[in-house]
Amino acid sequence: MTDTPARAYTKLLAASTPQSAAALTFSDLVADVDARRAAIHVHHFESTAAASDAADHDEMANGDVFVVESEKVVGFIVVICPAILTEERGTLPHLPSPGREYMEGEYTDSVVVAEREARARGFLLRDEDPQDRIRSMRHLKAASVARITTDPDPDNEEWQTALARLTVAQTYLNEHDPGAQEAMDASARRIADDLKRIDEEYGTNRRA
């Protein structure tokens, strides 16, 4: 890694202060983790059967992540075997224990990358806590709204994907997030109040 002027200055300070040394060490650790995760190969398949076949023919390496959009499946390779982290698993087996605990965390980097791929699509993770799922869906909704309202283009595949993911997130939140239901109830009350005001103002005698 080539040092930037700022990094070189931090190293100079590290020689004289324990705090700077700790900051530099932490920065190095974060950079190493980010580099490892960025290097993990993410494969895409039409089916879990195709992913299994690719694993059988050594087309994926140990720790590689794979995504099967059509079956809402995301997993990674353990040595030569595919293991699934999502609730949906298709024709493949689930990982036998929570991902970050499996083999004492040996596959944590692959698990993190796989979780990102799943959450970005609104796929449910098998071992995810209900509140974590709600938070994930809220993040997906926010990201999807940001995309569909920025440079809207119904003919753009990326825009269509964002709209589909917004639908997935909103559908889940409507069913599982108390906050979403409260927001819908509040919206319904505002509409009812507006209709009542219009009736009173214009004498339309609207009936519920």
N, C-alpha and C. Protein backbone atom coordinates (compact mmCIF):
# COMPACT_ATOMS: atom_id res chain seq x y z
N MET A 1 0.85 -1.19 0.00
CA MET A 1 0.00 0.00 0.00
C MET A 1 0.88 1.24 0.00
N THR A 2 0.71 2.14 -0.98
CA THR A 2 1.49 3.36 -1.06
C THR A 2 0.97 4.37 -0.05
N ASP A 3 1.88 4.95 0.74
CA ASP A 3 1.46 5.91 1.76
C ASP A 3 1.10 7.24 1.12
N THR A 4 -0.02 7.80 1.54
CA THR A 4 -0.37 9.16 1.18
C THR A 4 0.37 10.09 2.13
N PRO A 5 0.46 11.40 1.81
CA PRO A 5 1.11 12.33 2.74
C PRO A 5 0.48 12.28 4.13
N ALA A 6 -0.86 12.17 4.19
CA ALA A 6 -1.53 12.13 5.49
C ALA A 6 -1.14 10.88 6.26
N ARG A 7 -1.07 9.75 5.56
CA ARG A 7 -0.71 8.50 6.22
C ARG A 7 0.75 8.54 6.69
N ALA A 8 1.62 9.10 5.88
CA ALA A 8 3.02 9.21 6.28
C ALA A 8 3.16 10.08 7.53
N TYR A 9 2.34 11.14 7.58
CA TYR A 9 2.38 12.02 8.76
C TYR A 9 1.86 11.28 9.99
N THR A 10 0.80 10.47 9.81
CA THR A 10 0.25 9.69 10.93
C THR A 10 1.29 8.71 11.45
N LYS A 11 2.03 8.09 10.53
CA LYS A 11 3.09 7.16 10.95
C LYS A 11 4.16 7.90 11.77
N LEU A 12 4.47 9.12 11.34
CA LEU A 12 5.47 9.90 12.06
C LEU A 12 4.99 10.18 13.48
N LEU A 13 3.72 10.55 13.61
CA LEU A 13 3.16 10.80 14.93
C LEU A 13 3.13 9.54 15.77
N ALA A 14 2.87 8.40 15.11
CA ALA A 14 2.75 7.14 15.83
C ALA A 14 4.02 6.80 16.59
N ALA A 15 5.15 7.31 16.09
CA ALA A 15 6.41 7.02 16.76
C ALA A 15 6.50 7.71 18.11
N SER A 16 5.66 8.75 18.32
CA SER A 16 5.79 9.53 19.55
C SER A 16 4.59 9.44 20.49
N THR A 17 3.40 9.02 19.98
CA THR A 17 2.22 8.97 20.84
C THR A 17 1.53 7.63 20.73
N PRO A 18 1.18 7.01 21.87
CA PRO A 18 0.46 5.72 21.85
C PRO A 18 -0.90 5.83 21.16
N GLN A 19 -1.57 6.99 21.34
CA GLN A 19 -2.88 7.15 20.72
C GLN A 19 -2.79 7.11 19.20
N SER A 20 -1.79 7.75 18.65
CA SER A 20 -1.61 7.75 17.20
C SER A 20 -1.24 6.37 16.71
N ALA A 21 -0.44 5.67 17.48
CA ALA A 21 -0.08 4.31 17.09
C ALA A 21 -1.30 3.41 17.04
N ALA A 22 -2.19 3.56 18.05
CA ALA A 22 -3.42 2.76 18.09
C ALA A 22 -4.31 3.11 16.90
N ALA A 23 -4.40 4.40 16.58
CA ALA A 23 -5.24 4.83 15.45
C ALA A 23 -4.71 4.27 14.15
N LEU A 24 -3.39 4.26 13.99
CA LEU A 24 -2.79 3.74 12.77
C LEU A 24 -3.03 2.23 12.65
N THR A 25 -2.89 1.53 13.77
CA THR A 25 -3.12 0.08 13.76
C THR A 25 -4.56 -0.25 13.38
N PHE A 26 -5.50 0.49 13.98
CA PHE A 26 -6.91 0.27 13.67
C PHE A 26 -7.20 0.56 12.20
N SER A 27 -6.60 1.64 11.69
CA SER A 27 -6.79 2.00 10.28
C SER A 27 -6.28 0.90 9.37
N ASP A 28 -5.14 0.31 9.72
CA ASP A 28 -4.58 -0.77 8.93
C ASP A 28 -5.49 -2.00 8.95
N LEU A 29 -6.05 -2.31 10.13
CA LEU A 29 -6.94 -3.46 10.25
C LEU A 29 -8.18 -3.28 9.39
N VAL A 30 -8.78 -2.10 9.43
CA VAL A 30 -9.97 -1.82 8.63
C VAL A 30 -9.66 -1.93 7.14
N ALA A 31 -8.52 -1.38 6.75
CA ALA A 31 -8.12 -1.43 5.34
C ALA A 31 -7.91 -2.87 4.89
N ASP A 32 -7.31 -3.69 5.75
CA ASP A 32 -7.09 -5.09 5.40
C ASP A 32 -8.40 -5.85 5.25
N VAL A 33 -9.34 -5.62 6.18
CA VAL A 33 -10.65 -6.28 6.11
C VAL A 33 -11.39 -5.86 4.85
N ASP A 34 -11.39 -4.56 4.56
CA ASP A 34 -12.08 -4.07 3.36
C ASP A 34 -11.47 -4.69 2.10
N ALA A 35 -10.15 -4.80 2.07
CA ALA A 35 -9.48 -5.36 0.89
C ALA A 35 -9.84 -6.83 0.72
N ARG A 36 -9.87 -7.58 1.82
CA ARG A 36 -10.22 -9.00 1.73
C ARG A 36 -11.64 -9.18 1.19
N ARG A 37 -12.56 -8.39 1.72
CA ARG A 37 -13.95 -8.54 1.31
C ARG A 37 -14.18 -8.08 -0.12
N ALA A 38 -13.46 -7.05 -0.52
CA ALA A 38 -13.59 -6.58 -1.91
C ALA A 38 -13.06 -7.60 -2.90
N ALA A 39 -12.14 -8.46 -2.44
CA ALA A 39 -11.54 -9.45 -3.33
C ALA A 39 -12.39 -10.71 -3.48
N ILE A 40 -13.43 -10.85 -2.66
CA ILE A 40 -14.26 -12.04 -2.75
C ILE A 40 -15.09 -12.01 -4.02
N HIS A 41 -15.04 -13.07 -4.78
CA HIS A 41 -15.74 -13.16 -6.07
C HIS A 41 -17.20 -13.49 -5.82
N VAL A 42 -18.10 -12.73 -6.46
CA VAL A 42 -19.54 -12.98 -6.37
C VAL A 42 -20.03 -13.51 -7.71
N HIS A 43 -20.55 -14.74 -7.72
CA HIS A 43 -21.05 -15.39 -8.93
C HIS A 43 -22.57 -15.29 -8.99
N HIS A 44 -23.11 -15.29 -10.21
CA HIS A 44 -24.56 -15.24 -10.40
C HIS A 44 -24.99 -16.44 -11.25
N PHE A 45 -26.07 -17.10 -10.82
CA PHE A 45 -26.56 -18.28 -11.52
C PHE A 45 -28.07 -18.19 -11.74
N GLU A 46 -28.52 -18.92 -12.74
CA GLU A 46 -29.95 -18.96 -13.06
C GLU A 46 -30.73 -19.83 -12.09
N SER A 47 -30.06 -20.79 -11.46
CA SER A 47 -30.74 -21.71 -10.54
C SER A 47 -29.74 -22.25 -9.54
N THR A 48 -30.26 -22.80 -8.43
CA THR A 48 -29.36 -23.42 -7.46
C THR A 48 -28.75 -24.70 -8.04
N ALA A 49 -29.47 -25.34 -8.96
CA ALA A 49 -28.91 -26.53 -9.61
C ALA A 49 -27.67 -26.13 -10.41
N ALA A 50 -27.73 -24.98 -11.09
CA ALA A 50 -26.57 -24.51 -11.85
C ALA A 50 -25.41 -24.14 -10.92
N ALA A 51 -25.73 -23.55 -9.76
CA ALA A 51 -24.69 -23.22 -8.79
C ALA A 51 -24.03 -24.48 -8.26
N SER A 52 -24.84 -25.50 -7.99
CA SER A 52 -24.31 -26.78 -7.51
C SER A 52 -23.40 -27.41 -8.55
N ASP A 53 -23.80 -27.34 -9.81
CA ASP A 53 -22.99 -27.91 -10.89
C ASP A 53 -21.66 -27.18 -11.01
N ALA A 54 -21.71 -25.84 -10.86
CA ALA A 54 -20.47 -25.05 -10.92
C ALA A 54 -19.53 -25.43 -9.78
N ALA A 55 -20.11 -25.67 -8.58
CA ALA A 55 -19.28 -26.08 -7.44
C ALA A 55 -18.67 -27.45 -7.70
N ASP A 56 -19.46 -28.34 -8.27
CA ASP A 56 -18.96 -29.70 -8.56
C ASP A 56 -17.81 -29.69 -9.55
N HIS A 57 -17.79 -28.69 -10.43
CA HIS A 57 -16.75 -28.61 -11.45
C HIS A 57 -15.65 -27.61 -11.09
N ASP A 58 -15.58 -27.28 -9.79
CA ASP A 58 -14.52 -26.39 -9.27
C ASP A 58 -14.49 -25.03 -9.98
N GLU A 59 -15.68 -24.53 -10.34
CA GLU A 59 -15.75 -23.23 -10.98
C GLU A 59 -15.87 -22.10 -9.97
N MET A 60 -15.99 -22.45 -8.69
CA MET A 60 -15.99 -21.47 -7.61
C MET A 60 -14.97 -21.88 -6.57
N ALA A 61 -14.28 -20.89 -6.02
CA ALA A 61 -13.22 -21.16 -5.04
C ALA A 61 -13.77 -21.13 -3.62
N ASN A 62 -13.02 -21.67 -2.71
CA ASN A 62 -13.36 -21.63 -1.30
C ASN A 62 -13.61 -20.18 -0.86
N GLY A 63 -14.78 -19.93 -0.27
CA GLY A 63 -15.11 -18.58 0.19
C GLY A 63 -15.84 -17.72 -0.81
N ASP A 64 -15.91 -18.15 -2.08
CA ASP A 64 -16.66 -17.38 -3.08
C ASP A 64 -18.15 -17.32 -2.71
N VAL A 65 -18.77 -16.22 -3.06
CA VAL A 65 -20.20 -16.01 -2.80
C VAL A 65 -20.96 -16.20 -4.10
N PHE A 66 -22.19 -16.73 -4.01
CA PHE A 66 -23.01 -16.86 -5.21
C PHE A 66 -24.45 -16.41 -4.93
N VAL A 67 -25.11 -15.92 -5.99
CA VAL A 67 -26.46 -15.38 -5.90
C VAL A 67 -27.32 -16.06 -6.96
N VAL A 68 -28.51 -16.48 -6.55
CA VAL A 68 -29.50 -17.03 -7.48
C VAL A 68 -30.77 -16.18 -7.34
N GLU A 69 -30.87 -15.16 -8.20
CA GLU A 69 -31.98 -14.21 -8.11
C GLU A 69 -33.33 -14.90 -8.19
N SER A 70 -33.48 -15.83 -9.12
CA SER A 70 -34.77 -16.45 -9.39
C SER A 70 -35.32 -17.22 -8.21
N GLU A 71 -34.43 -17.67 -7.31
CA GLU A 71 -34.86 -18.48 -6.16
C GLU A 71 -34.65 -17.77 -4.83
N LYS A 72 -34.23 -16.49 -4.89
CA LYS A 72 -34.00 -15.68 -3.68
C LYS A 72 -32.99 -16.35 -2.75
N VAL A 73 -31.92 -16.84 -3.35
CA VAL A 73 -30.91 -17.60 -2.62
C VAL A 73 -29.55 -16.91 -2.71
N VAL A 74 -28.87 -16.85 -1.57
CA VAL A 74 -27.48 -16.38 -1.53
C VAL A 74 -26.71 -17.31 -0.60
N GLY A 75 -25.51 -17.70 -1.02
CA GLY A 75 -24.68 -18.56 -0.20
C GLY A 75 -23.22 -18.37 -0.52
N PHE A 76 -22.39 -19.26 -0.01
CA PHE A 76 -20.96 -19.20 -0.31
C PHE A 76 -20.39 -20.61 -0.29
N ILE A 77 -19.16 -20.73 -0.77
CA ILE A 77 -18.53 -22.04 -0.89
C ILE A 77 -17.68 -22.34 0.34
N VAL A 78 -17.94 -23.49 0.94
CA VAL A 78 -17.13 -23.98 2.06
C VAL A 78 -16.26 -25.11 1.52
N VAL A 79 -15.01 -24.80 1.31
CA VAL A 79 -14.03 -25.70 0.68
C VAL A 79 -14.48 -25.98 -0.77
N ILE A 80 -15.37 -26.96 -0.97
CA ILE A 80 -15.90 -27.21 -2.31
C ILE A 80 -17.43 -27.31 -2.30
N CYS A 81 -18.03 -27.13 -1.12
CA CYS A 81 -19.48 -27.34 -0.98
C CYS A 81 -20.23 -26.02 -0.84
N PRO A 82 -21.34 -25.85 -1.57
CA PRO A 82 -22.15 -24.65 -1.41
C PRO A 82 -22.99 -24.71 -0.14
N ALA A 83 -23.10 -23.60 0.56
CA ALA A 83 -23.92 -23.51 1.77
C ALA A 83 -24.73 -22.23 1.71
N ILE A 84 -26.00 -22.30 2.12
CA ILE A 84 -26.94 -21.20 1.94
C ILE A 84 -27.18 -20.45 3.24
N LEU A 85 -27.22 -19.09 3.15
CA LEU A 85 -27.50 -18.24 4.29
C LEU A 85 -28.93 -17.71 4.31
N THR A 86 -29.58 -17.68 3.16
CA THR A 86 -30.93 -17.12 3.07
C THR A 86 -31.97 -18.14 3.54
N GLU A 87 -33.17 -17.64 3.82
CA GLU A 87 -34.25 -18.55 4.20
C GLU A 87 -34.56 -19.52 3.07
N GLU A 88 -34.62 -18.99 1.85
CA GLU A 88 -34.82 -19.85 0.69
C GLU A 88 -33.48 -20.52 0.36
N ARG A 89 -33.54 -21.81 0.02
CA ARG A 89 -32.29 -22.51 -0.26
C ARG A 89 -32.29 -23.29 -1.57
N GLY A 90 -33.45 -23.36 -2.24
CA GLY A 90 -33.51 -24.10 -3.49
C GLY A 90 -33.15 -25.56 -3.28
N THR A 91 -32.23 -26.06 -4.09
CA THR A 91 -31.82 -27.48 -3.99
C THR A 91 -30.59 -27.67 -3.12
N LEU A 92 -30.12 -26.60 -2.47
CA LEU A 92 -28.86 -26.67 -1.73
C LEU A 92 -29.09 -26.63 -0.21
N PRO A 93 -28.13 -27.10 0.58
CA PRO A 93 -28.30 -27.12 2.04
C PRO A 93 -28.00 -25.77 2.69
N HIS A 94 -28.67 -25.53 3.81
CA HIS A 94 -28.34 -24.38 4.62
C HIS A 94 -26.99 -24.60 5.32
N LEU A 95 -26.33 -23.50 5.66
CA LEU A 95 -25.17 -23.59 6.52
C LEU A 95 -25.64 -24.15 7.87
N PRO A 96 -24.92 -25.10 8.48
CA PRO A 96 -25.42 -25.77 9.67
C PRO A 96 -25.44 -24.94 10.95
N SER A 97 -24.83 -23.75 10.93
CA SER A 97 -24.84 -22.89 12.11
C SER A 97 -24.81 -21.43 11.65
N PRO A 98 -25.08 -20.48 12.54
CA PRO A 98 -25.01 -19.07 12.15
C PRO A 98 -23.68 -18.75 11.46
N GLY A 99 -23.77 -17.97 10.39
CA GLY A 99 -22.61 -17.75 9.53
C GLY A 99 -21.37 -17.23 10.23
N ARG A 100 -21.54 -16.26 11.11
CA ARG A 100 -20.36 -15.65 11.73
C ARG A 100 -19.76 -16.53 12.82
N GLU A 101 -20.50 -17.56 13.20
CA GLU A 101 -19.99 -18.49 14.21
C GLU A 101 -19.42 -19.76 13.56
N TYR A 102 -19.73 -19.97 12.32
CA TYR A 102 -19.34 -21.21 11.65
C TYR A 102 -17.81 -21.34 11.59
N MET A 103 -17.31 -22.49 12.01
CA MET A 103 -15.87 -22.77 12.02
C MET A 103 -15.10 -21.63 12.70
N GLU A 104 -15.65 -21.19 13.83
CA GLU A 104 -15.02 -20.15 14.66
C GLU A 104 -14.76 -18.87 13.88
N GLY A 105 -15.67 -18.55 12.97
CA GLY A 105 -15.56 -17.29 12.25
C GLY A 105 -14.63 -17.30 11.06
N GLU A 106 -14.21 -18.47 10.64
CA GLU A 106 -13.24 -18.55 9.53
C GLU A 106 -13.80 -17.94 8.24
N TYR A 107 -15.12 -18.02 8.07
CA TYR A 107 -15.73 -17.53 6.83
C TYR A 107 -16.48 -16.20 7.01
N THR A 108 -16.12 -15.45 8.04
CA THR A 108 -16.84 -14.21 8.33
C THR A 108 -16.84 -13.25 7.15
N ASP A 109 -15.72 -13.10 6.47
CA ASP A 109 -15.67 -12.18 5.32
C ASP A 109 -16.67 -12.60 4.24
N SER A 110 -16.71 -13.89 3.94
CA SER A 110 -17.66 -14.38 2.93
C SER A 110 -19.10 -14.18 3.41
N VAL A 111 -19.33 -14.41 4.69
CA VAL A 111 -20.67 -14.23 5.25
C VAL A 111 -21.11 -12.77 5.12
N VAL A 112 -20.24 -11.85 5.44
CA VAL A 112 -20.58 -10.43 5.35
C VAL A 112 -20.92 -10.04 3.91
N VAL A 113 -20.11 -10.50 2.97
CA VAL A 113 -20.37 -10.19 1.56
C VAL A 113 -21.70 -10.81 1.13
N ALA A 114 -21.95 -12.06 1.52
CA ALA A 114 -23.20 -12.74 1.17
C ALA A 114 -24.40 -12.02 1.78
N GLU A 115 -24.26 -11.59 3.02
CA GLU A 115 -25.35 -10.85 3.66
C GLU A 115 -25.65 -9.54 2.92
N ARG A 116 -24.61 -8.86 2.48
CA ARG A 116 -24.81 -7.62 1.72
C ARG A 116 -25.59 -7.90 0.43
N GLU A 117 -25.18 -8.97 -0.26
CA GLU A 117 -25.86 -9.30 -1.52
C GLU A 117 -27.33 -9.63 -1.26
N ALA A 118 -27.61 -10.36 -0.18
CA ALA A 118 -28.99 -10.72 0.14
C ALA A 118 -29.81 -9.49 0.51
N ARG A 119 -29.27 -8.66 1.39
CA ARG A 119 -30.02 -7.48 1.85
C ARG A 119 -30.27 -6.49 0.73
N ALA A 120 -29.32 -6.39 -0.19
CA ALA A 120 -29.49 -5.46 -1.32
C ALA A 120 -30.67 -5.85 -2.20
N ARG A 121 -31.07 -7.12 -2.11
CA ARG A 121 -32.18 -7.63 -2.93
C ARG A 121 -33.46 -7.88 -2.14
N GLY A 122 -33.38 -7.69 -0.84
CA GLY A 122 -34.55 -7.95 -0.01
C GLY A 122 -34.78 -9.42 0.26
N PHE A 123 -33.73 -10.24 0.12
CA PHE A 123 -33.84 -11.67 0.44
C PHE A 123 -33.70 -11.84 1.96
N LEU A 124 -34.55 -12.66 2.56
CA LEU A 124 -34.49 -12.86 4.00
C LEU A 124 -33.35 -13.80 4.37
N LEU A 125 -32.60 -13.41 5.38
CA LEU A 125 -31.51 -14.24 5.89
C LEU A 125 -32.04 -15.16 6.98
N ARG A 126 -31.61 -16.41 6.93
CA ARG A 126 -32.17 -17.42 7.82
C ARG A 126 -31.97 -17.10 9.30
N ASP A 127 -30.79 -16.61 9.67
CA ASP A 127 -30.46 -16.40 11.07
C ASP A 127 -30.61 -14.95 11.52
N GLU A 128 -31.29 -14.13 10.74
CA GLU A 128 -31.39 -12.72 11.08
C GLU A 128 -32.51 -12.48 12.09
N ASP A 129 -32.22 -11.67 13.09
CA ASP A 129 -33.19 -11.28 14.10
C ASP A 129 -34.30 -10.46 13.44
N PRO A 130 -35.57 -10.60 13.92
CA PRO A 130 -36.68 -9.84 13.31
C PRO A 130 -36.43 -8.34 13.24
N GLN A 131 -35.85 -7.76 14.29
CA GLN A 131 -35.59 -6.32 14.27
C GLN A 131 -34.51 -5.97 13.25
N ASP A 132 -33.52 -6.86 13.10
CA ASP A 132 -32.49 -6.63 12.08
C ASP A 132 -33.10 -6.70 10.68
N ARG A 133 -34.06 -7.61 10.50
CA ARG A 133 -34.74 -7.70 9.20
C ARG A 133 -35.49 -6.41 8.90
N ILE A 134 -36.17 -5.89 9.89
CA ILE A 134 -36.91 -4.64 9.69
C ILE A 134 -35.95 -3.51 9.33
N ARG A 135 -34.83 -3.43 10.06
CA ARG A 135 -33.85 -2.39 9.74
C ARG A 135 -33.30 -2.57 8.33
N SER A 136 -33.03 -3.81 7.94
CA SER A 136 -32.52 -4.08 6.58
C SER A 136 -33.52 -3.62 5.53
N MET A 137 -34.78 -3.93 5.76
CA MET A 137 -35.81 -3.55 4.79
C MET A 137 -36.00 -2.03 4.75
N ARG A 138 -35.85 -1.38 5.88
CA ARG A 138 -35.93 0.09 5.88
C ARG A 138 -34.80 0.68 5.05
N HIS A 139 -33.58 0.13 5.21
CA HIS A 139 -32.44 0.61 4.42
C HIS A 139 -32.67 0.35 2.93
N LEU A 140 -33.19 -0.83 2.62
CA LEU A 140 -33.46 -1.15 1.21
C LEU A 140 -34.51 -0.21 0.64
N LYS A 141 -35.55 0.07 1.42
CA LYS A 141 -36.58 1.00 0.95
C LYS A 141 -35.99 2.37 0.68
N ALA A 142 -35.19 2.88 1.62
CA ALA A 142 -34.60 4.21 1.47
C ALA A 142 -33.69 4.27 0.24
N ALA A 143 -32.86 3.24 0.05
CA ALA A 143 -31.96 3.22 -1.10
C ALA A 143 -32.74 3.13 -2.41
N SER A 144 -33.81 2.35 -2.40
CA SER A 144 -34.61 2.18 -3.61
C SER A 144 -35.36 3.47 -3.96
N VAL A 145 -35.91 4.13 -2.94
CA VAL A 145 -36.60 5.41 -3.17
C VAL A 145 -35.63 6.43 -3.74
N ALA A 146 -34.41 6.47 -3.16
CA ALA A 146 -33.41 7.42 -3.65
C ALA A 146 -33.10 7.18 -5.12
N ARG A 147 -33.04 5.90 -5.52
CA ARG A 147 -32.73 5.60 -6.92
C ARG A 147 -33.87 5.93 -7.86
N ILE A 148 -35.09 5.57 -7.49
CA ILE A 148 -36.19 5.77 -8.44
C ILE A 148 -36.59 7.25 -8.55
N THR A 149 -36.20 8.05 -7.56
CA THR A 149 -36.52 9.48 -7.64
C THR A 149 -35.37 10.29 -8.23
N THR A 150 -34.23 9.64 -8.46
CA THR A 150 -33.08 10.30 -9.08
C THR A 150 -32.99 9.85 -10.54
N ASP A 151 -33.13 10.80 -11.43
CA ASP A 151 -33.07 10.49 -12.87
C ASP A 151 -34.03 9.35 -13.24
N PRO A 152 -35.34 9.54 -12.98
CA PRO A 152 -36.32 8.47 -13.28
C PRO A 152 -36.30 8.09 -14.76
N ASP A 153 -36.28 6.80 -15.02
CA ASP A 153 -36.27 6.30 -16.39
C ASP A 153 -36.86 4.89 -16.40
N PRO A 154 -38.16 4.75 -16.66
CA PRO A 154 -38.81 3.43 -16.65
C PRO A 154 -38.21 2.43 -17.62
N ASP A 155 -37.45 2.91 -18.61
CA ASP A 155 -36.83 1.99 -19.57
C ASP A 155 -35.46 1.51 -19.11
N ASN A 156 -34.98 2.08 -18.02
CA ASN A 156 -33.66 1.72 -17.50
C ASN A 156 -33.78 0.49 -16.60
N GLU A 157 -32.99 -0.55 -16.89
CA GLU A 157 -33.09 -1.80 -16.13
C GLU A 157 -32.76 -1.59 -14.66
N GLU A 158 -31.77 -0.77 -14.39
CA GLU A 158 -31.40 -0.49 -12.99
C GLU A 158 -32.55 0.19 -12.26
N TRP A 159 -33.23 1.12 -12.95
CA TRP A 159 -34.37 1.82 -12.34
C TRP A 159 -35.51 0.83 -12.07
N GLN A 160 -35.75 -0.06 -13.00
CA GLN A 160 -36.80 -1.08 -12.82
C GLN A 160 -36.46 -1.99 -11.64
N THR A 161 -35.18 -2.33 -11.50
CA THR A 161 -34.75 -3.17 -10.38
C THR A 161 -34.98 -2.46 -9.05
N ALA A 162 -34.66 -1.16 -9.00
CA ALA A 162 -34.88 -0.39 -7.78
C ALA A 162 -36.36 -0.34 -7.43
N LEU A 163 -37.21 -0.20 -8.43
CA LEU A 163 -38.65 -0.17 -8.19
C LEU A 163 -39.13 -1.52 -7.65
N ALA A 164 -38.62 -2.61 -8.21
CA ALA A 164 -39.01 -3.94 -7.74
C ALA A 164 -38.55 -4.15 -6.31
N ARG A 165 -37.35 -3.70 -5.99
CA ARG A 165 -36.84 -3.86 -4.62
C ARG A 165 -37.60 -2.99 -3.63
N LEU A 166 -38.04 -1.82 -4.08
CA LEU A 166 -38.88 -0.98 -3.23
C LEU A 166 -40.19 -1.71 -2.90
N THR A 167 -40.75 -2.37 -3.88
CA THR A 167 -41.99 -3.12 -3.67
C THR A 167 -41.77 -4.24 -2.65
N VAL A 168 -40.65 -4.95 -2.78
CA VAL A 168 -40.32 -6.03 -1.84
C VAL A 168 -40.20 -5.48 -0.42
N ALA A 169 -39.44 -4.40 -0.28
CA ALA A 169 -39.22 -3.82 1.05
C ALA A 169 -40.52 -3.31 1.66
N GLN A 170 -41.30 -2.58 0.86
CA GLN A 170 -42.54 -2.01 1.40
C GLN A 170 -43.54 -3.09 1.78
N THR A 171 -43.62 -4.13 0.97
CA THR A 171 -44.53 -5.23 1.28
C THR A 171 -44.15 -5.88 2.61
N TYR A 172 -42.86 -6.11 2.80
CA TYR A 172 -42.41 -6.71 4.07
C TYR A 172 -42.71 -5.79 5.25
N LEU A 173 -42.39 -4.51 5.10
CA LEU A 173 -42.59 -3.56 6.19
C LEU A 173 -44.06 -3.40 6.53
N ASN A 174 -44.92 -3.40 5.51
CA ASN A 174 -46.35 -3.29 5.77
C ASN A 174 -46.85 -4.42 6.66
N GLU A 175 -46.25 -5.58 6.50
CA GLU A 175 -46.70 -6.76 7.24
C GLU A 175 -46.02 -6.91 8.59
N HIS A 176 -44.76 -6.46 8.70
CA HIS A 176 -43.98 -6.79 9.90
C HIS A 176 -43.52 -5.59 10.72
N ASP A 177 -43.54 -4.41 10.17
CA ASP A 177 -43.00 -3.24 10.87
C ASP A 177 -44.13 -2.44 11.51
N PRO A 178 -44.21 -2.41 12.85
CA PRO A 178 -45.27 -1.63 13.51
C PRO A 178 -45.25 -0.17 13.09
N GLY A 179 -44.04 0.35 12.86
CA GLY A 179 -43.93 1.75 12.45
C GLY A 179 -44.59 2.01 11.12
N ALA A 180 -44.49 1.06 10.20
CA ALA A 180 -45.13 1.22 8.89
C ALA A 180 -46.63 1.25 9.03
N GLN A 181 -47.18 0.38 9.88
CA GLN A 181 -48.62 0.35 10.07
C GLN A 181 -49.09 1.65 10.72
N GLU A 182 -48.32 2.14 11.69
CA GLU A 182 -48.68 3.41 12.33
C GLU A 182 -48.68 4.55 11.33
N ALA A 183 -47.70 4.53 10.42
CA ALA A 183 -47.63 5.59 9.40
C ALA A 183 -48.83 5.52 8.46
N MET A 184 -49.23 4.29 8.08
CA MET A 184 -50.40 4.13 7.21
C MET A 184 -51.67 4.58 7.92
N ASP A 185 -51.79 4.24 9.21
CA ASP A 185 -52.95 4.66 9.97
C ASP A 185 -53.01 6.18 10.08
N ALA A 186 -51.85 6.80 10.32
CA ALA A 186 -51.79 8.26 10.42
C ALA A 186 -52.18 8.90 9.09
N SER A 187 -51.71 8.30 7.98
CA SER A 187 -52.06 8.82 6.66
C SER A 187 -53.57 8.70 6.42
N ALA A 188 -54.14 7.55 6.82
CA ALA A 188 -55.59 7.36 6.65
C ALA A 188 -56.37 8.38 7.47
N ARG A 189 -55.87 8.69 8.67
CA ARG A 189 -56.55 9.69 9.51
C ARG A 189 -56.47 11.07 8.88
N ARG A 190 -55.31 11.39 8.29
CA ARG A 190 -55.18 12.70 7.65
C ARG A 190 -56.14 12.82 6.46
N ILE A 191 -56.25 11.74 5.69
CA ILE A 191 -57.17 11.76 4.54
C ILE A 191 -58.60 11.92 5.02
N ALA A 192 -58.97 11.19 6.09
CA ALA A 192 -60.33 11.29 6.63
C ALA A 192 -60.60 12.71 7.12
N ASP A 193 -59.62 13.30 7.79
CA ASP A 193 -59.78 14.67 8.29
C ASP A 193 -59.93 15.65 7.14
N ASP A 194 -59.14 15.45 6.06
CA ASP A 194 -59.24 16.33 4.89
C ASP A 194 -60.61 16.21 4.24
N LEU A 195 -61.12 14.98 4.11
CA LEU A 195 -62.44 14.79 3.51
C LEU A 195 -63.53 15.43 4.37
N LYS A 196 -63.40 15.30 5.67
CA LYS A 196 -64.38 15.91 6.57
C LYS A 196 -64.38 17.42 6.43
N ARG A 197 -63.16 18.00 6.36
CA ARG A 197 -63.05 19.45 6.20
C ARG A 197 -63.68 19.91 4.88
N ILE A 198 -63.43 19.15 3.81
CA ILE A 198 -64.01 19.49 2.51
C ILE A 198 -65.53 19.43 2.56
N ASP A 199 -66.04 18.38 3.22
CA ASP A 199 -67.49 18.25 3.35
C ASP A 199 -68.09 19.43 4.09
N GLU A 200 -67.42 19.82 5.18
CA GLU A 200 -67.94 20.92 5.98
C GLU A 200 -67.84 22.25 5.25
N GLU A 201 -66.73 22.40 4.49
CA GLU A 201 -66.50 23.67 3.80
C GLU A 201 -67.41 23.84 2.59
N TYR A 202 -67.64 22.75 1.86
CA TYR A 202 -68.39 22.84 0.60
C TYR A 202 -69.76 22.19 0.67
N GLY A 203 -70.07 21.60 1.81
CA GLY A 203 -71.40 21.02 1.95
C GLY A 203 -71.67 19.86 1.01
N THR A 204 -70.65 19.02 0.80
CA THR A 204 -70.82 17.91 -0.15
C THR A 204 -71.54 16.73 0.48
N ASN A 205 -71.66 16.72 1.83
CA ASN A 205 -72.34 15.64 2.53
C ASN A 205 -71.80 14.26 2.12
N ARG A 206 -70.46 14.16 2.09
CA ARG A 206 -69.82 12.90 1.74
C ARG A 206 -70.18 11.84 2.79
N ARG A 207 -70.46 10.63 2.34
CA ARG A 207 -70.76 9.55 3.26
C ARG A 207 -69.61 8.52 3.25
N ALA A 208 -69.27 8.02 4.39
CA ALA A 208 -68.20 7.02 4.49
C ALA A 208 -68.63 5.73 3.83
